Amino acid sequence: MNKFHKVRNLKIEGSRLIMEIDGEMREYDLKDVSQTLSDASDTERMIYEISPSGYGIYWPLIDEDISVDGLLGIVHQPECEEMMA
């Protein structure tokens, strides 16, 4: 199975979410990503799961999901079906 994104080396330092996405290091302010994650304890932040597709990150202790596409600013548009006569 091919991954949609390759997410590695995720860590939270202070108020910054830092990770490697598709080979490039990225850094985000936690308050810009998620107020819930920003307000979480260090223990709650340390326990996370990266989806097998690399599409999302989940913190089970606070029930918070983050979309990797959302972090990257990727917006998906629904495919339009051609109208049949």
PDB file of N, CA and C in Angstrom:
ATOM      1  N   MET A   1       0.843  -1.182   0.000  1.00  0.00           N
ATOM      2  CA  MET A   1       0.000   0.000   0.000  1.00  0.00           C
ATOM      3  C   MET A   1       0.887   1.244   0.000  1.00  0.00           C
ATOM      4  N   ASN A   2       0.658   2.153  -0.913  1.00  0.00           N
ATOM      5  CA  ASN A   2       1.405   3.394  -0.960  1.00  0.00           C
ATOM      6  C   ASN A   2       0.806   4.391   0.022  1.00  0.00           C
ATOM      7  N   LYS A   3       1.674   5.123   0.680  1.00  0.00           N
ATOM      8  CA  LYS A   3       1.205   6.150   1.604  1.00  0.00           C
ATOM      9  C   LYS A   3       0.881   7.412   0.842  1.00  0.00           C
ATOM     10  N   PHE A   4      -0.131   8.089   1.305  1.00  0.00           N
ATOM     11  CA  PHE A   4      -0.488   9.369   0.719  1.00  0.00           C
ATOM     12  C   PHE A   4       0.547  10.411   1.121  1.00  0.00           C
ATOM     13  N   HIS A   5       0.941  10.398   2.390  1.00  0.00           N
ATOM     14  CA  HIS A   5       2.010  11.258   2.897  1.00  0.00           C
ATOM     15  C   HIS A   5       2.916  10.407   3.775  1.00  0.00           C
ATOM     16  N   LYS A   6       4.170  10.750   3.815  1.00  0.00           N
ATOM     17  CA  LYS A   6       5.108  10.096   4.715  1.00  0.00           C
ATOM     18  C   LYS A   6       5.396  11.075   5.848  1.00  0.00           C
ATOM     19  N   VAL A   7       4.888  10.745   7.034  1.00  0.00           N
ATOM     20  CA  VAL A   7       5.034  11.605   8.206  1.00  0.00           C
ATOM     21  C   VAL A   7       5.991  10.924   9.179  1.00  0.00           C
ATOM     22  N   ARG A   8       7.037  11.654   9.569  1.00  0.00           N
ATOM     23  CA  ARG A   8       8.045  11.095  10.480  1.00  0.00           C
ATOM     24  C   ARG A   8       8.517  12.170  11.447  1.00  0.00           C
ATOM     25  N   ASN A   9       9.175  11.696  12.506  1.00  0.00           N
ATOM     26  CA  ASN A   9       9.868  12.571  13.463  1.00  0.00           C
ATOM     27  C   ASN A   9       8.971  13.653  14.061  1.00  0.00           C
ATOM     28  N   LEU A  10       7.740  13.283  14.388  1.00  0.00           N
ATOM     29  CA  LEU A  10       6.817  14.249  14.983  1.00  0.00           C
ATOM     30  C   LEU A  10       7.229  14.523  16.423  1.00  0.00           C
ATOM     31  N   LYS A  11       7.272  15.795  16.783  1.00  0.00           N
ATOM     32  CA  LYS A  11       7.542  16.174  18.168  1.00  0.00           C
ATOM     33  C   LYS A  11       6.894  17.528  18.436  1.00  0.00           C
ATOM     34  N   ILE A  12       6.654  17.764  19.706  1.00  0.00           N
ATOM     35  CA  ILE A  12       6.118  19.047  20.129  1.00  0.00           C
ATOM     36  C   ILE A  12       7.135  19.655  21.075  1.00  0.00           C
ATOM     37  N   GLU A  13       7.594  20.835  20.725  1.00  0.00           N
ATOM     38  CA  GLU A  13       8.555  21.568  21.547  1.00  0.00           C
ATOM     39  C   GLU A  13       7.939  22.908  21.908  1.00  0.00           C
ATOM     40  N   GLY A  14       7.664  23.074  23.188  1.00  0.00           N
ATOM     41  CA  GLY A  14       7.005  24.311  23.623  1.00  0.00           C
ATOM     42  C   GLY A  14       5.650  24.440  22.962  1.00  0.00           C
ATOM     43  N   SER A  15       5.467  25.503  22.219  1.00  0.00           N
ATOM     44  CA  SER A  15       4.186  25.726  21.540  1.00  0.00           C
ATOM     45  C   SER A  15       4.280  25.415  20.045  1.00  0.00           C
ATOM     46  N   ARG A  16       5.271  24.618  19.637  1.00  0.00           N
ATOM     47  CA  ARG A  16       5.497  24.313  18.220  1.00  0.00           C
ATOM     48  C   ARG A  16       5.302  22.822  17.945  1.00  0.00           C
ATOM     49  N   LEU A  17       4.581  22.514  16.863  1.00  0.00           N
ATOM     50  CA  LEU A  17       4.429  21.161  16.349  1.00  0.00           C
ATOM     51  C   LEU A  17       5.437  21.030  15.200  1.00  0.00           C
ATOM     52  N   ILE A  18       6.351  20.077  15.331  1.00  0.00           N
ATOM     53  CA  ILE A  18       7.430  19.910  14.362  1.00  0.00           C
ATOM     54  C   ILE A  18       7.375  18.484  13.830  1.00  0.00           C
ATOM     55  N   MET A  19       7.491  18.332  12.510  1.00  0.00           N
ATOM     56  CA  MET A  19       7.486  17.001  11.920  1.00  0.00           C
ATOM     57  C   MET A  19       8.060  17.051  10.513  1.00  0.00           C
ATOM     58  N   GLU A  20       8.407  15.890  10.028  1.00  0.00           N
ATOM     59  CA  GLU A  20       8.856  15.753   8.648  1.00  0.00           C
ATOM     60  C   GLU A  20       7.684  15.215   7.842  1.00  0.00           C
ATOM     61  N   ILE A  21       7.314  15.928   6.790  1.00  0.00           N
ATOM     62  CA  ILE A  21       6.235  15.503   5.900  1.00  0.00           C
ATOM     63  C   ILE A  21       6.822  15.366   4.502  1.00  0.00           C
ATOM     64  N   ASP A  22       6.758  14.164   3.968  1.00  0.00           N
ATOM     65  CA  ASP A  22       7.253  13.885   2.615  1.00  0.00           C
ATOM     66  C   ASP A  22       8.696  14.378   2.426  1.00  0.00           C
ATOM     67  N   GLY A  23       9.521  14.156   3.455  1.00  0.00           N
ATOM     68  CA  GLY A  23      10.940  14.476   3.363  1.00  0.00           C
ATOM     69  C   GLY A  23      11.303  15.911   3.690  1.00  0.00           C
ATOM     70  N   GLU A  24      10.327  16.745   4.037  1.00  0.00           N
ATOM     71  CA  GLU A  24      10.595  18.152   4.341  1.00  0.00           C
ATOM     72  C   GLU A  24      10.178  18.462   5.776  1.00  0.00           C
ATOM     73  N   MET A  25      11.072  19.082   6.544  1.00  0.00           N
ATOM     74  CA  MET A  25      10.741  19.459   7.915  1.00  0.00           C
ATOM     75  C   MET A  25       9.742  20.613   7.887  1.00  0.00           C
ATOM     76  N   ARG A  26       8.718  20.501   8.714  1.00  0.00           N
ATOM     77  CA  ARG A  26       7.667  21.522   8.814  1.00  0.00           C
ATOM     78  C   ARG A  26       7.492  21.892  10.283  1.00  0.00           C
ATOM     79  N   GLU A  27       7.125  23.127  10.529  1.00  0.00           N
ATOM     80  CA  GLU A  27       6.914  23.603  11.894  1.00  0.00           C
ATOM     81  C   GLU A  27       5.665  24.471  11.926  1.00  0.00           C
ATOM     82  N   TYR A  28       4.819  24.230  12.936  1.00  0.00           N
ATOM     83  CA  TYR A  28       3.543  24.935  13.060  1.00  0.00           C
ATOM     84  C   TYR A  28       3.346  25.395  14.496  1.00  0.00           C
ATOM     85  N   ASP A  29       2.691  26.523  14.663  1.00  0.00           N
ATOM     86  CA  ASP A  29       2.294  26.985  15.984  1.00  0.00           C
ATOM     87  C   ASP A  29       1.074  26.161  16.407  1.00  0.00           C
ATOM     88  N   LEU A  30       1.135  25.566  17.593  1.00  0.00           N
ATOM     89  CA  LEU A  30       0.036  24.705  18.055  1.00  0.00           C
ATOM     90  C   LEU A  30      -1.306  25.426  18.061  1.00  0.00           C
ATOM     91  N   LYS A  31      -1.326  26.693  18.442  1.00  0.00           N
ATOM     92  CA  LYS A  31      -2.599  27.427  18.488  1.00  0.00           C
ATOM     93  C   LYS A  31      -3.207  27.579  17.098  1.00  0.00           C
ATOM     94  N   ASP A  32      -2.369  27.609  16.063  1.00  0.00           N
ATOM     95  CA  ASP A  32      -2.872  27.691  14.692  1.00  0.00           C
ATOM     96  C   ASP A  32      -3.382  26.336  14.198  1.00  0.00           C
ATOM     97  N   VAL A  33      -2.866  25.265  14.792  1.00  0.00           N
ATOM     98  CA  VAL A  33      -3.236  23.913  14.377  1.00  0.00           C
ATOM     99  C   VAL A  33      -4.475  23.430  15.133  1.00  0.00           C
ATOM    100  N   SER A  34      -4.437  23.558  16.462  1.00  0.00           N
ATOM    101  CA  SER A  34      -5.525  23.028  17.281  1.00  0.00           C
ATOM    102  C   SER A  34      -5.451  23.605  18.692  1.00  0.00           C
ATOM    103  N   GLN A  35      -6.495  24.290  19.105  1.00  0.00           N
ATOM    104  CA  GLN A  35      -6.533  24.805  20.471  1.00  0.00           C
ATOM    105  C   GLN A  35      -6.551  23.654  21.467  1.00  0.00           C
ATOM    106  N   THR A  36      -7.234  22.550  21.125  1.00  0.00           N
ATOM    107  CA  THR A  36      -7.288  21.382  22.004  1.00  0.00           C
ATOM    108  C   THR A  36      -5.889  20.823  22.225  1.00  0.00           C
ATOM    109  N   LEU A  37      -5.130  20.686  21.166  1.00  0.00           N
ATOM    110  CA  LEU A  37      -3.762  20.180  21.278  1.00  0.00           C
ATOM    111  C   LEU A  37      -2.882  21.180  22.024  1.00  0.00           C
ATOM    112  N   SER A  38      -3.089  22.442  21.791  1.00  0.00           N
ATOM    113  CA  SER A  38      -2.330  23.483  22.484  1.00  0.00           C
ATOM    114  C   SER A  38      -2.572  23.439  23.989  1.00  0.00           C
ATOM    115  N   ASP A  39      -3.810  23.152  24.391  1.00  0.00           N
ATOM    116  CA  ASP A  39      -4.178  23.116  25.808  1.00  0.00           C
ATOM    117  C   ASP A  39      -3.851  21.787  26.484  1.00  0.00           C
ATOM    118  N   ALA A  40      -3.467  20.775  25.729  1.00  0.00           N
ATOM    119  CA  ALA A  40      -3.223  19.432  26.270  1.00  0.00           C
ATOM    120  C   ALA A  40      -1.949  19.384  27.110  1.00  0.00           C
ATOM    121  N   SER A  41      -1.907  18.401  27.996  1.00  0.00           N
ATOM    122  CA  SER A  41      -0.701  18.192  28.809  1.00  0.00           C
ATOM    123  C   SER A  41       0.399  17.551  27.953  1.00  0.00           C
ATOM    124  N   ASP A  42       1.619  17.566  28.463  1.00  0.00           N
ATOM    125  CA  ASP A  42       2.728  16.934  27.746  1.00  0.00           C
ATOM    126  C   ASP A  42       2.460  15.454  27.501  1.00  0.00           C
ATOM    127  N   THR A  43       1.899  14.773  28.486  1.00  0.00           N
ATOM    128  CA  THR A  43       1.581  13.344  28.338  1.00  0.00           C
ATOM    129  C   THR A  43       0.548  13.138  27.239  1.00  0.00           C
ATOM    130  N   GLU A  44      -0.494  13.954  27.222  1.00  0.00           N
ATOM    131  CA  GLU A  44      -1.533  13.835  26.198  1.00  0.00           C
ATOM    132  C   GLU A  44      -0.971  14.102  24.803  1.00  0.00           C
ATOM    133  N   ARG A  45      -0.033  14.988  24.698  1.00  0.00           N
ATOM    134  CA  ARG A  45       0.575  15.319  23.407  1.00  0.00           C
ATOM    135  C   ARG A  45       1.531  14.233  22.916  1.00  0.00           C
ATOM    136  N   MET A  46       2.150  13.516  23.852  1.00  0.00           N
ATOM    137  CA  MET A  46       3.166  12.514  23.488  1.00  0.00           C
ATOM    138  C   MET A  46       2.572  11.251  22.869  1.00  0.00           C
ATOM    139  N   ILE A  47       1.306  10.979  23.145  1.00  0.00           N
ATOM    140  CA  ILE A  47       0.692   9.742  22.673  1.00  0.00           C
ATOM    141  C   ILE A  47      -0.158  10.064  21.450  1.00  0.00           C
ATOM    142  N   TYR A  48       0.319   9.615  20.292  1.00  0.00           N
ATOM    143  CA  TYR A  48      -0.366   9.902  19.032  1.00  0.00           C
ATOM    144  C   TYR A  48      -0.203   8.729  18.082  1.00  0.00           C
ATOM    145  N   GLU A  49      -1.032   8.712  17.053  1.00  0.00           N
ATOM    146  CA  GLU A  49      -0.981   7.688  16.005  1.00  0.00           C
ATOM    147  C   GLU A  49      -1.015   8.384  14.651  1.00  0.00           C
ATOM    148  N   ILE A  50      -0.142   7.952  13.761  1.00  0.00           N
ATOM    149  CA  ILE A  50      -0.164   8.448  12.390  1.00  0.00           C
ATOM    150  C   ILE A  50      -0.922   7.419  11.567  1.00  0.00           C
ATOM    151  N   SER A  51      -1.919   7.850  10.814  1.00  0.00           N
ATOM    152  CA  SER A  51      -2.721   6.906  10.030  1.00  0.00           C
ATOM    153  C   SER A  51      -1.823   6.168   9.034  1.00  0.00           C
ATOM    154  N   PRO A  52      -2.166   4.921   8.698  1.00  0.00           N
ATOM    155  CA  PRO A  52      -1.350   4.147   7.748  1.00  0.00           C
ATOM    156  C   PRO A  52      -1.139   4.864   6.411  1.00  0.00           C
ATOM    157  N   SER A  53      -2.108   5.669   5.999  1.00  0.00           N
ATOM    158  CA  SER A  53      -1.980   6.395   4.735  1.00  0.00           C
ATOM    159  C   SER A  53      -1.145   7.661   4.884  1.00  0.00           C
ATOM    160  N   GLY A  54      -0.850   8.031   6.139  1.00  0.00           N
ATOM    161  CA  GLY A  54      -0.142   9.277   6.380  1.00  0.00           C
ATOM    162  C   GLY A  54      -1.042  10.485   6.211  1.00  0.00           C
ATOM    163  N   TYR A  55      -2.339  10.253   6.107  1.00  0.00           N
ATOM    164  CA  TYR A  55      -3.281  11.344   5.861  1.00  0.00           C
ATOM    165  C   TYR A  55      -3.583  12.144   7.126  1.00  0.00           C
ATOM    166  N   GLY A  56      -3.526  11.487   8.285  1.00  0.00           N
ATOM    167  CA  GLY A  56      -3.905  12.180   9.509  1.00  0.00           C
ATOM    168  C   GLY A  56      -3.099  11.747  10.710  1.00  0.00           C
ATOM    169  N   ILE A  57      -3.196  12.543  11.771  1.00  0.00           N
ATOM    170  CA  ILE A  57      -2.543  12.266  13.043  1.00  0.00           C
ATOM    171  C   ILE A  57      -3.625  12.328  14.105  1.00  0.00           C
ATOM    172  N   TYR A  58      -3.620  11.335  15.003  1.00  0.00           N
ATOM    173  CA  TYR A  58      -4.665  11.229  16.018  1.00  0.00           C
ATOM    174  C   TYR A  58      -4.037  11.159  17.403  1.00  0.00           C
ATOM    175  N   TRP A  59      -4.540  11.981  18.331  1.00  0.00           N
ATOM    176  CA  TRP A  59      -4.134  11.962  19.731  1.00  0.00           C
ATOM    177  C   TRP A  59      -5.297  11.365  20.521  1.00  0.00           C
ATOM    178  N   PRO A  60      -5.224  10.067  20.870  1.00  0.00           N
ATOM    179  CA  PRO A  60      -6.371   9.388  21.487  1.00  0.00           C
ATOM    180  C   PRO A  60      -6.742   9.886  22.885  1.00  0.00           C
ATOM    181  N   LEU A  61      -5.789  10.368  23.665  1.00  0.00           N
ATOM    182  CA  LEU A  61      -6.114  10.802  25.024  1.00  0.00           C
ATOM    183  C   LEU A  61      -6.961  12.072  25.052  1.00  0.00           C
ATOM    184  N   ILE A  62      -6.925  12.838  23.951  1.00  0.00           N
ATOM    185  CA  ILE A  62      -7.749  14.051  23.881  1.00  0.00           C
ATOM    186  C   ILE A  62      -8.730  13.989  22.710  1.00  0.00           C
ATOM    187  N   ASP A  63      -8.771  12.841  22.024  1.00  0.00           N
ATOM    188  CA  ASP A  63      -9.664  12.610  20.893  1.00  0.00           C
ATOM    189  C   ASP A  63      -9.561  13.732  19.858  1.00  0.00           C
ATOM    190  N   GLU A  64      -8.317  14.002  19.433  1.00  0.00           N
ATOM    191  CA  GLU A  64      -8.068  15.075  18.475  1.00  0.00           C
ATOM    192  C   GLU A  64      -7.445  14.507  17.205  1.00  0.00           C
ATOM    193  N   ASP A  65      -7.994  14.885  16.062  1.00  0.00           N
ATOM    194  CA  ASP A  65      -7.484  14.480  14.741  1.00  0.00           C
ATOM    195  C   ASP A  65      -6.997  15.712  14.000  1.00  0.00           C
ATOM    196  N   ILE A  66      -5.859  15.574  13.332  1.00  0.00           N
ATOM    197  CA  ILE A  66      -5.315  16.642  12.494  1.00  0.00           C
ATOM    198  C   ILE A  66      -5.098  16.069  11.099  1.00  0.00           C
ATOM    199  N   SER A  67      -5.573  16.745  10.095  1.00  0.00           N
ATOM    200  CA  SER A  67      -5.368  16.350   8.708  1.00  0.00           C
ATOM    201  C   SER A  67      -4.020  16.882   8.219  1.00  0.00           C
ATOM    202  N   VAL A  68      -3.202  15.999   7.650  1.00  0.00           N
ATOM    203  CA  VAL A  68      -1.918  16.431   7.094  1.00  0.00           C
ATOM    204  C   VAL A  68      -2.158  17.340   5.892  1.00  0.00           C
ATOM    205  N   ASP A  69      -3.142  17.018   5.068  1.00  0.00           N
ATOM    206  CA  ASP A  69      -3.484  17.902   3.946  1.00  0.00           C
ATOM    207  C   ASP A  69      -3.852  19.296   4.454  1.00  0.00           C
ATOM    208  N   GLY A  70      -4.595  19.352   5.547  1.00  0.00           N
ATOM    209  CA  GLY A  70      -4.967  20.635   6.124  1.00  0.00           C
ATOM    210  C   GLY A  70      -3.741  21.425   6.570  1.00  0.00           C
ATOM    211  N   LEU A  71      -2.780  20.744   7.194  1.00  0.00           N
ATOM    212  CA  LEU A  71      -1.541  21.414   7.596  1.00  0.00           C
ATOM    213  C   LEU A  71      -0.805  21.975   6.392  1.00  0.00           C
ATOM    214  N   LEU A  72      -0.839  21.228   5.291  1.00  0.00           N
ATOM    215  CA  LEU A  72      -0.127  21.637   4.083  1.00  0.00           C
ATOM    216  C   LEU A  72      -0.918  22.632   3.237  1.00  0.00           C
ATOM    217  N   GLY A  73      -2.172  22.888   3.623  1.00  0.00           N
ATOM    218  CA  GLY A  73      -2.998  23.828   2.866  1.00  0.00           C
ATOM    219  C   GLY A  73      -3.577  23.241   1.588  1.00  0.00           C
ATOM    220  N   ILE A  74      -3.653  21.909   1.534  1.00  0.00           N
ATOM    221  CA  ILE A  74      -4.202  21.238   0.356  1.00  0.00           C
ATOM    222  C   ILE A  74      -5.717  21.152   0.503  1.00  0.00           C
ATOM    223  N   VAL A  75      -6.428  21.644  -0.477  1.00  0.00           N
ATOM    224  CA  VAL A  75      -7.890  21.619  -0.473  1.00  0.00           C
ATOM    225  C   VAL A  75      -8.342  20.671  -1.576  1.00  0.00           C
ATOM    226  N   HIS A  76      -9.201  19.740  -1.212  1.00  0.00           N
ATOM    227  CA  HIS A  76      -9.719  18.790  -2.194  1.00  0.00           C
ATOM    228  C   HIS A  76     -11.079  19.262  -2.690  1.00  0.00           C
ATOM    229  N   GLN A  77     -11.256  19.226  -3.982  1.00  0.00           N
ATOM    230  CA  GLN A  77     -12.521  19.579  -4.598  1.00  0.00           C
ATOM    231  C   GLN A  77     -13.207  18.291  -5.054  1.00  0.00           C
ATOM    232  N   PRO A  78     -14.496  18.183  -4.838  1.00  0.00           N
ATOM    233  CA  PRO A  78     -15.199  16.985  -5.328  1.00  0.00           C
ATOM    234  C   PRO A  78     -15.138  16.942  -6.852  1.00  0.00           C
ATOM    235  N   GLU A  79     -15.015  15.736  -7.355  1.00  0.00           N
ATOM    236  CA  GLU A  79     -14.993  15.577  -8.815  1.00  0.00           C
ATOM    237  C   GLU A  79     -16.396  15.801  -9.355  1.00  0.00           C
ATOM    238  N   CYS A  80     -16.478  16.561 -10.432  1.00  0.00           N
ATOM    239  CA  CYS A  80     -17.779  16.826 -11.068  1.00  0.00           C
ATOM    240  C   CYS A  80     -18.089  15.694 -12.053  1.00  0.00           C
ATOM    241  N   GLU A  81     -19.299  15.233 -11.970  1.00  0.00           N
ATOM    242  CA  GLU A  81     -19.722  14.211 -12.923  1.00  0.00           C
ATOM    243  C   GLU A  81     -20.313  14.902 -14.135  1.00  0.00           C
ATOM    244  N   GLU A  82     -20.007  14.371 -15.290  1.00  0.00           N
ATOM    245  CA  GLU A  82     -20.569  14.932 -16.499  1.00  0.00           C
ATOM    246  C   GLU A  82     -22.057  14.625 -16.533  1.00  0.00           C
ATOM    247  N   MET A  83     -22.814  15.595 -16.945  1.00  0.00           N
ATOM    248  CA  MET A  83     -24.262  15.385 -17.022  1.00  0.00           C
ATOM    249  C   MET A  83     -24.568  14.575 -18.288  1.00  0.00           C
ATOM    250  N   MET A  84     -25.437  13.612 -18.103  1.00  0.00           N
ATOM    251  CA  MET A  84     -25.812  12.759 -19.243  1.00  0.00           C
ATOM    252  C   MET A  84     -27.119  13.280 -19.822  1.00  0.00           C
ATOM    253  N   ALA A  85     -27.206  13.281 -21.101  1.00  0.00           N
ATOM    254  CA  ALA A  85     -28.404  13.766 -21.796  1.00  0.00           C
ATOM    255  C   ALA A  85     -29.459  12.717 -21.828  1.00  0.00           C
TER     256      ALA A  85
END
